[in-house]
Amino acid sequence: LLAGGTGSGKTYFILTMIEALLHTNANLYILDPKNSDLADLQTVM
């Protein structure tokens, strides 16, 4: 569970974890209800 105020870096932290996990055999399912930064990953994964 990641918690923090607005602009504290939660999304960048999630993006960093995703980038690291993509180098493994893990299967990732990503949900972004605000259609914000994580939703942009639709173009690459």
All heavy atoms as atom14 arrays in JSON, in Angstrom:
{
  "sequence": "LLAGGTGSGKTYFILTMIEALLHTNANLYILDPKNSDLADLQTVM",
  "atom14_mask": [
    [1, 1, 1, 1, 1, 1, 1, 1, 0, 0, 0, 0, 0, 0],
    [1, 1, 1, 1, 1, 1, 1, 1, 0, 0, 0, 0, 0, 0],
    [1, 1, 1, 1, 1, 0, 0, 0, 0, 0, 0, 0, 0, 0],
    [1, 1, 1, 1, 0, 0, 0, 0, 0, 0, 0, 0, 0, 0],
    [1, 1, 1, 1, 0, 0, 0, 0, 0, 0, 0, 0, 0, 0],
    [1, 1, 1, 1, 1, 1, 1, 0, 0, 0, 0, 0, 0, 0],
    [1, 1, 1, 1, 0, 0, 0, 0, 0, 0, 0, 0, 0, 0],
    [1, 1, 1, 1, 1, 1, 0, 0, 0, 0, 0, 0, 0, 0],
    [1, 1, 1, 1, 0, 0, 0, 0, 0, 0, 0, 0, 0, 0],
    [1, 1, 1, 1, 1, 1, 1, 1, 1, 0, 0, 0, 0, 0],
    [1, 1, 1, 1, 1, 1, 1, 0, 0, 0, 0, 0, 0, 0],
    [1, 1, 1, 1, 1, 1, 1, 1, 1, 1, 1, 1, 0, 0],
    [1, 1, 1, 1, 1, 1, 1, 1, 1, 1, 1, 0, 0, 0],
    [1, 1, 1, 1, 1, 1, 1, 1, 0, 0, 0, 0, 0, 0],
    [1, 1, 1, 1, 1, 1, 1, 1, 0, 0, 0, 0, 0, 0],
    [1, 1, 1, 1, 1, 1, 1, 0, 0, 0, 0, 0, 0, 0],
    [1, 1, 1, 1, 1, 1, 1, 1, 0, 0, 0, 0, 0, 0],
    [1, 1, 1, 1, 1, 1, 1, 1, 0, 0, 0, 0, 0, 0],
    [1, 1, 1, 1, 1, 1, 1, 1, 1, 0, 0, 0, 0, 0],
    [1, 1, 1, 1, 1, 0, 0, 0, 0, 0, 0, 0, 0, 0],
    [1, 1, 1, 1, 1, 1, 1, 1, 0, 0, 0, 0, 0, 0],
    [1, 1, 1, 1, 1, 1, 1, 1, 0, 0, 0, 0, 0, 0],
    [1, 1, 1, 1, 1, 1, 1, 1, 1, 1, 0, 0, 0, 0],
    [1, 1, 1, 1, 1, 1, 1, 0, 0, 0, 0, 0, 0, 0],
    [1, 1, 1, 1, 1, 1, 1, 1, 0, 0, 0, 0, 0, 0],
    [1, 1, 1, 1, 1, 0, 0, 0, 0, 0, 0, 0, 0, 0],
    [1, 1, 1, 1, 1, 1, 1, 1, 0, 0, 0, 0, 0, 0],
    [1, 1, 1, 1, 1, 1, 1, 1, 0, 0, 0, 0, 0, 0],
    [1, 1, 1, 1, 1, 1, 1, 1, 1, 1, 1, 1, 0, 0],
    [1, 1, 1, 1, 1, 1, 1, 1, 0, 0, 0, 0, 0, 0],
    [1, 1, 1, 1, 1, 1, 1, 1, 0, 0, 0, 0, 0, 0],
    [1, 1, 1, 1, 1, 1, 1, 1, 0, 0, 0, 0, 0, 0],
    [1, 1, 1, 1, 1, 1, 1, 0, 0, 0, 0, 0, 0, 0],
    [1, 1, 1, 1, 1, 1, 1, 1, 1, 0, 0, 0, 0, 0],
    [1, 1, 1, 1, 1, 1, 1, 1, 0, 0, 0, 0, 0, 0],
    [1, 1, 1, 1, 1, 1, 0, 0, 0, 0, 0, 0, 0, 0],
    [1, 1, 1, 1, 1, 1, 1, 1, 0, 0, 0, 0, 0, 0],
    [1, 1, 1, 1, 1, 1, 1, 1, 0, 0, 0, 0, 0, 0],
    [1, 1, 1, 1, 1, 0, 0, 0, 0, 0, 0, 0, 0, 0],
    [1, 1, 1, 1, 1, 1, 1, 1, 0, 0, 0, 0, 0, 0],
    [1, 1, 1, 1, 1, 1, 1, 1, 0, 0, 0, 0, 0, 0],
    [1, 1, 1, 1, 1, 1, 1, 1, 1, 0, 0, 0, 0, 0],
    [1, 1, 1, 1, 1, 1, 1, 0, 0, 0, 0, 0, 0, 0],
    [1, 1, 1, 1, 1, 1, 1, 0, 0, 0, 0, 0, 0, 0],
    [1, 1, 1, 1, 1, 1, 1, 1, 0, 0, 0, 0, 0, 0]
  ],
  "atom14_positions": [
    [[0.86, -1.18, 0.0], [0.0, 0.0, 0.0], [0.89, 1.23, 0.0], [1.75, 1.38, 0.87], [-0.9, 0.01, 1.24], [-1.71, 1.3, 1.46], [-2.75, 1.46, 0.34], [-2.4, 1.29, 2.82], [0.0, 0.0, 0.0], [0.0, 0.0, 0.0], [0.0, 0.0, 0.0], [0.0, 0.0, 0.0], [0.0, 0.0, 0.0], [0.0, 0.0, 0.0]],
    [[0.7, 2.11, -0.98], [1.44, 3.36, -1.05], [0.52, 4.49, -0.63], [-0.6, 4.6, -1.12], [1.93, 3.62, -2.47], [2.82, 2.54, -3.1], [3.21, 2.93, -4.52], [4.05, 2.31, -2.26], [0.0, 0.0, 0.0], [0.0, 0.0, 0.0], [0.0, 0.0, 0.0], [0.0, 0.0, 0.0], [0.0, 0.0, 0.0], [0.0, 0.0, 0.0]],
    [[1.01, 5.32, 0.27], [0.2, 6.45, 0.75], [1.07, 7.7, 0.8], [2.25, 7.64, 1.1], [-0.37, 6.15, 2.14], [0.0, 0.0, 0.0], [0.0, 0.0, 0.0], [0.0, 0.0, 0.0], [0.0, 0.0, 0.0], [0.0, 0.0, 0.0], [0.0, 0.0, 0.0], [0.0, 0.0, 0.0], [0.0, 0.0, 0.0], [0.0, 0.0, 0.0]],
    [[0.45, 8.83, 0.49], [1.19, 10.1, 0.52], [0.32, 11.2, -0.03], [-0.71, 10.95, -0.68], [0.0, 0.0, 0.0], [0.0, 0.0, 0.0], [0.0, 0.0, 0.0], [0.0, 0.0, 0.0], [0.0, 0.0, 0.0], [0.0, 0.0, 0.0], [0.0, 0.0, 0.0], [0.0, 0.0, 0.0], [0.0, 0.0, 0.0], [0.0, 0.0, 0.0]],
    [[0.74, 12.4, 0.22], [-0.02, 13.56, -0.25], [0.11, 13.75, -1.75], [0.91, 13.1, -2.43], [0.0, 0.0, 0.0], [0.0, 0.0, 0.0], [0.0, 0.0, 0.0], [0.0, 0.0, 0.0], [0.0, 0.0, 0.0], [0.0, 0.0, 0.0], [0.0, 0.0, 0.0], [0.0, 0.0, 0.0], [0.0, 0.0, 0.0], [0.0, 0.0, 0.0]],
    [[-0.7, 14.65, -2.29], [-0.65, 14.96, -3.71], [0.73, 15.5, -4.07], [1.26, 16.39, -3.42], [-1.72, 16.0, -4.06], [-3.01, 15.49, -3.7], [-1.71, 16.31, -5.55], [0.0, 0.0, 0.0], [0.0, 0.0, 0.0], [0.0, 0.0, 0.0], [0.0, 0.0, 0.0], [0.0, 0.0, 0.0], [0.0, 0.0, 0.0], [0.0, 0.0, 0.0]],
    [[1.31, 14.93, -5.13], [2.62, 15.38, -5.57], [3.79, 14.8, -4.8], [4.93, 15.23, -4.99], [0.0, 0.0, 0.0], [0.0, 0.0, 0.0], [0.0, 0.0, 0.0], [0.0, 0.0, 0.0], [0.0, 0.0, 0.0], [0.0, 0.0, 0.0], [0.0, 0.0, 0.0], [0.0, 0.0, 0.0], [0.0, 0.0, 0.0], [0.0, 0.0, 0.0]],
    [[3.53, 13.81, -3.94], [4.61, 13.23, -3.13], [5.42, 12.17, -3.89], [6.44, 11.71, -3.39], [4.04, 12.63, -1.85], [3.11, 11.6, -2.15], [0.0, 0.0, 0.0], [0.0, 0.0, 0.0], [0.0, 0.0, 0.0], [0.0, 0.0, 0.0], [0.0, 0.0, 0.0], [0.0, 0.0, 0.0], [0.0, 0.0, 0.0], [0.0, 0.0, 0.0]],
    [[4.96, 11.77, -5.07], [5.74, 10.83, -5.88], [5.21, 9.42, -5.93], [5.94, 8.51, -6.34], [0.0, 0.0, 0.0], [0.0, 0.0, 0.0], [0.0, 0.0, 0.0], [0.0, 0.0, 0.0], [0.0, 0.0, 0.0], [0.0, 0.0, 0.0], [0.0, 0.0, 0.0], [0.0, 0.0, 0.0], [0.0, 0.0, 0.0], [0.0, 0.0, 0.0]],
    [[3.95, 9.21, -5.55], [3.39, 7.85, -5.54], [3.39, 7.24, -6.95], [3.8, 6.11, -7.14], [1.97, 7.87, -4.96], [1.86, 8.36, -3.54], [0.45, 8.21, -3.01], [-0.57, 9.0, -3.79], [-0.32, 10.47, -3.73], [0.0, 0.0, 0.0], [0.0, 0.0, 0.0], [0.0, 0.0, 0.0], [0.0, 0.0, 0.0], [0.0, 0.0, 0.0]],
    [[2.91, 8.0, -7.93], [2.79, 7.47, -9.28], [4.17, 7.19, -9.88], [4.37, 6.16, -10.54], [2.03, 8.47, -10.18], [0.72, 8.67, -9.64], [1.9, 7.93, -11.59], [0.0, 0.0, 0.0], [0.0, 0.0, 0.0], [0.0, 0.0, 0.0], [0.0, 0.0, 0.0], [0.0, 0.0, 0.0], [0.0, 0.0, 0.0], [0.0, 0.0, 0.0]],
    [[5.13, 8.06, -9.66], [6.48, 7.81, -10.15], [7.07, 6.56, -9.51], [7.8, 5.8, -10.15], [7.38, 9.02, -9.89], [7.31, 10.06, -10.98], [6.54, 11.2, -10.84], [8.0, 9.88, -12.18], [6.47, 12.15, -11.84], [7.93, 10.82, -13.2], [7.16, 11.96, -13.02], [7.09, 12.88, -14.02], [0.0, 0.0, 0.0], [0.0, 0.0, 0.0]],
    [[6.74, 6.35, -8.25], [7.21, 5.15, -7.56], [6.61, 3.9, -8.19], [7.3, 2.9, -8.42], [6.85, 5.24, -6.08], [7.38, 4.11, -5.25], [8.73, 3.87, -5.16], [6.51, 3.27, -4.56], [9.22, 2.82, -4.4], [6.99, 2.22, -3.8], [8.35, 1.99, -3.72], [0.0, 0.0, 0.0], [0.0, 0.0, 0.0], [0.0, 0.0, 0.0]],
    [[5.29, 3.96, -8.5], [4.63, 2.82, -9.16], [5.24, 2.58, -10.54], [5.51, 1.43, -10.92], [3.12, 3.08, -9.27], [2.48, 3.11, -7.88], [2.45, 1.99, -10.12], [1.0, 3.46, -7.9], [0.0, 0.0, 0.0], [0.0, 0.0, 0.0], [0.0, 0.0, 0.0], [0.0, 0.0, 0.0], [0.0, 0.0, 0.0], [0.0, 0.0, 0.0]],
    [[5.5, 3.65, -11.28], [6.11, 3.5, -12.6], [7.49, 2.87, -12.5], [7.88, 2.05, -13.35], [6.21, 4.87, -13.28], [4.9, 5.48, -13.79], [5.1, 6.93, -14.2], [4.35, 4.67, -14.96], [0.0, 0.0, 0.0], [0.0, 0.0, 0.0], [0.0, 0.0, 0.0], [0.0, 0.0, 0.0], [0.0, 0.0, 0.0], [0.0, 0.0, 0.0]],
    [[8.24, 3.23, -11.47], [9.56, 2.64, -11.26], [9.46, 1.15, -10.98], [10.23, 0.34, -11.52], [10.27, 3.35, -10.09], [10.38, 4.75, -10.38], [11.66, 2.78, -9.87], [0.0, 0.0, 0.0], [0.0, 0.0, 0.0], [0.0, 0.0, 0.0], [0.0, 0.0, 0.0], [0.0, 0.0, 0.0], [0.0, 0.0, 0.0], [0.0, 0.0, 0.0]],
    [[8.49, 0.75, -10.15], [8.29, -0.67, -9.86], [7.87, -1.42, -11.12], [8.34, -2.54, -11.37], [7.24, -0.84, -8.77], [7.68, -0.38, -7.39], [6.59, -1.0, -6.08], [5.02, -0.32, -6.6], [0.0, 0.0, 0.0], [0.0, 0.0, 0.0], [0.0, 0.0, 0.0], [0.0, 0.0, 0.0], [0.0, 0.0, 0.0], [0.0, 0.0, 0.0]],
    [[6.98, -0.83, -11.9], [6.53, -1.48, -13.13], [7.71, -1.72, -14.07], [7.86, -2.81, -14.66], [5.44, -0.63, -13.81], [4.16, -0.64, -12.99], [5.17, -1.12, -15.23], [3.09, 0.32, -13.49], [0.0, 0.0, 0.0], [0.0, 0.0, 0.0], [0.0, 0.0, 0.0], [0.0, 0.0, 0.0], [0.0, 0.0, 0.0], [0.0, 0.0, 0.0]],
    [[8.56, -0.71, -14.21], [9.72, -0.84, -15.1], [10.63, -1.98, -14.66], [11.14, -2.75, -15.48], [10.48, 0.48, -15.12], [11.44, 0.64, -16.3], [12.78, -0.02, -16.06], [13.17, -0.17, -14.88], [13.44, -0.39, -17.05], [0.0, 0.0, 0.0], [0.0, 0.0, 0.0], [0.0, 0.0, 0.0], [0.0, 0.0, 0.0], [0.0, 0.0, 0.0]],
    [[10.82, -2.12, -13.34], [11.67, -3.19, -12.81], [11.02, -4.55, -13.01], [11.68, -5.53, -13.39], [11.97, -2.95, -11.33], [0.0, 0.0, 0.0], [0.0, 0.0, 0.0], [0.0, 0.0, 0.0], [0.0, 0.0, 0.0], [0.0, 0.0, 0.0], [0.0, 0.0, 0.0], [0.0, 0.0, 0.0], [0.0, 0.0, 0.0], [0.0, 0.0, 0.0]],
    [[9.71, -4.65, -12.78], [9.0, -5.93, -12.89], [8.88, -6.4, -14.34], [8.74, -7.6, -14.6], [7.61, -5.82, -12.26], [7.59, -5.64, -10.73], [6.18, -5.32, -10.26], [8.11, -6.89, -10.04], [0.0, 0.0, 0.0], [0.0, 0.0, 0.0], [0.0, 0.0, 0.0], [0.0, 0.0, 0.0], [0.0, 0.0, 0.0], [0.0, 0.0, 0.0]],
    [[8.95, -5.46, -15.28], [8.88, -5.84, -16.69], [10.1, -6.65, -17.13], [10.06, -7.33, -18.15], [8.75, -4.59, -17.57], [7.37, -3.92, -17.59], [7.42, -2.62, -18.37], [6.32, -4.85, -18.17], [0.0, 0.0, 0.0], [0.0, 0.0, 0.0], [0.0, 0.0, 0.0], [0.0, 0.0, 0.0], [0.0, 0.0, 0.0], [0.0, 0.0, 0.0]],
    [[11.17, -6.59, -16.35], [12.37, -7.37, -16.67], [12.31, -8.77, -16.08], [13.29, -9.52, -16.17], [13.62, -6.64, -16.17], [13.88, -5.33, -16.87], [14.43, -5.26, -18.13], [13.64, -4.05, -16.5], [14.53, -3.99, -18.5], [14.06, -3.24, -17.52], [0.0, 0.0, 0.0], [0.0, 0.0, 0.0], [0.0, 0.0, 0.0], [0.0, 0.0, 0.0]],
    [[11.2, -9.11, -15.44], [10.99, -10.46, -14.91], [9.91, -11.15, -15.74], [9.43, -10.59, -16.73], [10.56, -10.41, -13.43], [9.23, -9.86, -13.34], [11.51, -9.53, -12.61], [0.0, 0.0, 0.0], [0.0, 0.0, 0.0], [0.0, 0.0, 0.0], [0.0, 0.0, 0.0], [0.0, 0.0, 0.0], [0.0, 0.0, 0.0], [0.0, 0.0, 0.0]],
    [[9.52, -12.35, -15.34], [8.45, -13.06, -16.05], [7.08, -12.79, -15.46], [6.13, -13.52, -15.71], [8.73, -14.57, -16.04], [8.7, -15.14, -14.62], [8.76, -14.41, -13.64], [8.63, -16.47, -14.51], [0.0, 0.0, 0.0], [0.0, 0.0, 0.0], [0.0, 0.0, 0.0], [0.0, 0.0, 0.0], [0.0, 0.0, 0.0], [0.0, 0.0, 0.0]],
    [[6.96, -11.72, -14.65], [5.7, -11.39, -14.0], [4.67, -10.9, -15.01], [5.01, -10.3, -16.04], [5.92, -10.34, -12.92], [0.0, 0.0, 0.0], [0.0, 0.0, 0.0], [0.0, 0.0, 0.0], [0.0, 0.0, 0.0], [0.0, 0.0, 0.0], [0.0, 0.0, 0.0], [0.0, 0.0, 0.0], [0.0, 0.0, 0.0], [0.0, 0.0, 0.0]],
    [[3.39, -11.14, -14.7], [2.28, -10.62, -15.49], [1.68, -9.43, -14.75], [1.34, -9.52, -13.58], [1.21, -11.7, -15.68], [1.76, -12.92, -16.39], [2.41, -12.81, -17.42], [1.51, -14.1, -15.84], [0.0, 0.0, 0.0], [0.0, 0.0, 0.0], [0.0, 0.0, 0.0], [0.0, 0.0, 0.0], [0.0, 0.0, 0.0], [0.0, 0.0, 0.0]],
    [[1.55, -8.3, -15.45], [1.09, -7.07, -14.82], [-0.27, -6.67, -15.38], [-0.49, -6.69, -16.59], [2.1, -5.93, -15.06], [3.57, -6.21, -14.7], [4.41, -4.97, -14.96], [3.69, -6.63, -13.25], [0.0, 0.0, 0.0], [0.0, 0.0, 0.0], [0.0, 0.0, 0.0], [0.0, 0.0, 0.0], [0.0, 0.0, 0.0], [0.0, 0.0, 0.0]],
    [[-1.16, -6.28, -14.47], [-2.48, -5.74, -14.83], [-2.6, -4.39, -14.13], [-2.54, -4.32, -12.89], [-3.59, -6.69, -14.39], [-3.5, -8.06, -15.02], [-2.65, -9.03, -14.49], [-4.25, -8.37, -16.15], [-2.56, -10.29, -15.09], [-4.16, -9.62, -16.74], [-3.31, -10.57, -16.21], [-3.21, -11.8, -16.79], [0.0, 0.0, 0.0], [0.0, 0.0, 0.0]],
    [[-2.78, -3.33, -14.91], [-2.68, -1.97, -14.37], [-4.01, -1.25, -14.56], [-4.56, -1.21, -15.67], [-1.54, -1.2, -15.06], [-0.22, -1.95, -14.83], [-1.45, 0.22, -14.54], [0.92, -1.44, -15.68], [0.0, 0.0, 0.0], [0.0, 0.0, 0.0], [0.0, 0.0, 0.0], [0.0, 0.0, 0.0], [0.0, 0.0, 0.0], [0.0, 0.0, 0.0]],
    [[-4.52, -0.67, -13.48], [-5.79, 0.05, -13.5], [-5.57, 1.49, -13.07], [-4.99, 1.75, -12.01], [-6.8, -0.63, -12.57], [-6.99, -2.15, -12.74], [-8.03, -2.66, -11.77], [-7.36, -2.49, -14.16], [0.0, 0.0, 0.0], [0.0, 0.0, 0.0], [0.0, 0.0, 0.0], [0.0, 0.0, 0.0], [0.0, 0.0, 0.0], [0.0, 0.0, 0.0]],
    [[-6.05, 2.41, -13.9], [-5.9, 3.85, -13.61], [-7.26, 4.52, -13.79], [-7.59, 5.01, -14.88], [-4.86, 4.46, -14.55], [-4.58, 5.93, -14.2], [-5.21, 6.45, -13.27], [-3.73, 6.53, -14.87], [0.0, 0.0, 0.0], [0.0, 0.0, 0.0], [0.0, 0.0, 0.0], [0.0, 0.0, 0.0], [0.0, 0.0, 0.0], [0.0, 0.0, 0.0]],
    [[-8.08, 4.56, -12.72], [-9.45, 5.09, -12.86], [-9.49, 6.58, -13.21], [-10.51, 7.05, -13.71], [-10.06, 4.83, -11.48], [-8.9, 4.69, -10.55], [-7.81, 4.07, -11.36], [0.0, 0.0, 0.0], [0.0, 0.0, 0.0], [0.0, 0.0, 0.0], [0.0, 0.0, 0.0], [0.0, 0.0, 0.0], [0.0, 0.0, 0.0], [0.0, 0.0, 0.0]],
    [[-8.41, 7.31, -12.96], [-8.39, 8.74, -13.29], [-7.89, 9.0, -14.71], [-7.77, 10.16, -15.1], [-7.54, 9.5, -12.27], [-8.22, 9.64, -10.91], [-7.5, 10.65, -10.04], [-8.29, 10.94, -8.76], [-7.64, 11.96, -7.92], [0.0, 0.0, 0.0], [0.0, 0.0, 0.0], [0.0, 0.0, 0.0], [0.0, 0.0, 0.0], [0.0, 0.0, 0.0]],
    [[-7.57, 7.92, -15.45], [-7.07, 8.06, -16.82], [-5.91, 9.05, -16.86], [-5.86, 9.96, -17.7], [-8.2, 8.52, -17.75], [-7.82, 8.35, -19.21], [-6.93, 7.59, -19.55], [-8.5, 9.07, -20.08], [0.0, 0.0, 0.0], [0.0, 0.0, 0.0], [0.0, 0.0, 0.0], [0.0, 0.0, 0.0], [0.0, 0.0, 0.0], [0.0, 0.0, 0.0]],
    [[-4.98, 8.85, -15.95], [-3.87, 9.79, -15.82], [-2.57, 9.16, -16.32], [-2.54, 8.56, -17.4], [-3.75, 10.22, -14.36], [-2.79, 11.24, -14.21], [0.0, 0.0, 0.0], [0.0, 0.0, 0.0], [0.0, 0.0, 0.0], [0.0, 0.0, 0.0], [0.0, 0.0, 0.0], [0.0, 0.0, 0.0], [0.0, 0.0, 0.0], [0.0, 0.0, 0.0]],
    [[-1.5, 9.24, -15.53], [-0.17, 8.85, -15.99], [-0.06, 7.36, -16.33], [0.53, 7.0, -17.35], [0.88, 9.21, -14.92], [0.92, 10.7, -14.66], [1.07, 11.45, -15.63], [0.79, 11.11, -13.49], [0.0, 0.0, 0.0], [0.0, 0.0, 0.0], [0.0, 0.0, 0.0], [0.0, 0.0, 0.0], [0.0, 0.0, 0.0], [0.0, 0.0, 0.0]],
    [[-0.61, 6.47, -15.48], [-0.48, 5.05, -15.76], [-1.26, 4.64, -16.99], [-0.89, 3.67, -17.67], [-0.95, 4.23, -14.55], [-0.12, 4.35, -13.27], [-0.54, 3.3, -12.25], [1.37, 4.22, -13.56], [0.0, 0.0, 0.0], [0.0, 0.0, 0.0], [0.0, 0.0, 0.0], [0.0, 0.0, 0.0], [0.0, 0.0, 0.0], [0.0, 0.0, 0.0]],
    [[-2.33, 5.35, -17.3], [-3.13, 5.03, -18.49], [-2.3, 5.2, -19.77], [-2.57, 4.54, -20.78], [-4.37, 5.89, -18.54], [0.0, 0.0, 0.0], [0.0, 0.0, 0.0], [0.0, 0.0, 0.0], [0.0, 0.0, 0.0], [0.0, 0.0, 0.0], [0.0, 0.0, 0.0], [0.0, 0.0, 0.0], [0.0, 0.0, 0.0], [0.0, 0.0, 0.0]],
    [[-1.29, 6.05, -19.75], [-0.44, 6.26, -20.93], [0.34, 5.01, -21.31], [0.84, 4.9, -22.43], [0.54, 7.41, -20.68], [-0.18, 8.75, -20.5], [-1.33, 8.85, -20.94], [0.42, 9.67, -19.91], [0.0, 0.0, 0.0], [0.0, 0.0, 0.0], [0.0, 0.0, 0.0], [0.0, 0.0, 0.0], [0.0, 0.0, 0.0], [0.0, 0.0, 0.0]],
    [[0.45, 4.05, -20.36], [1.18, 2.82, -20.65], [0.44, 1.93, -21.66], [1.01, 0.95, -22.14], [1.41, 2.04, -19.35], [2.31, 2.71, -18.31], [2.35, 1.89, -17.02], [3.73, 2.9, -18.85], [0.0, 0.0, 0.0], [0.0, 0.0, 0.0], [0.0, 0.0, 0.0], [0.0, 0.0, 0.0], [0.0, 0.0, 0.0], [0.0, 0.0, 0.0]],
    [[-0.82, 2.27, -21.96], [-1.59, 1.48, -22.94], [-0.89, 1.41, -24.29], [-1.07, 0.46, -25.05], [-2.99, 2.09, -23.12], [-3.89, 1.94, -21.91], [-5.2, 2.67, -22.09], [-5.3, 3.59, -22.89], [-6.22, 2.26, -21.34], [0.0, 0.0, 0.0], [0.0, 0.0, 0.0], [0.0, 0.0, 0.0], [0.0, 0.0, 0.0], [0.0, 0.0, 0.0]],
    [[-0.08, 2.43, -24.59], [0.58, 2.48, -25.9], [1.8, 1.58, -25.98], [2.3, 1.32, -27.09], [1.0, 3.93, -26.22], [1.9, 4.39, -25.19], [-0.21, 4.85, -26.28], [0.0, 0.0, 0.0], [0.0, 0.0, 0.0], [0.0, 0.0, 0.0], [0.0, 0.0, 0.0], [0.0, 0.0, 0.0], [0.0, 0.0, 0.0], [0.0, 0.0, 0.0]],
    [[2.29, 1.1, -24.84], [3.54, 0.32, -24.86], [3.4, -1.06, -24.23], [4.32, -1.88, -24.33], [4.68, 1.09, -24.16], [5.05, 2.34, -24.95], [4.31, 1.44, -22.73], [0.0, 0.0, 0.0], [0.0, 0.0, 0.0], [0.0, 0.0, 0.0], [0.0, 0.0, 0.0], [0.0, 0.0, 0.0], [0.0, 0.0, 0.0], [0.0, 0.0, 0.0]],
    [[2.29, -1.36, -23.56], [2.15, -2.66, -22.92], [0.68, -3.04, -22.82], [-0.21, -2.17, -22.82], [2.8, -2.67, -21.53], [2.25, -1.63, -20.57], [3.14, -1.6, -18.98], [2.72, -3.21, -18.32], [0.0, 0.0, 0.0], [0.0, 0.0, 0.0], [0.0, 0.0, 0.0], [0.0, 0.0, 0.0], [0.0, 0.0, 0.0], [0.0, 0.0, 0.0]]
  ]
}
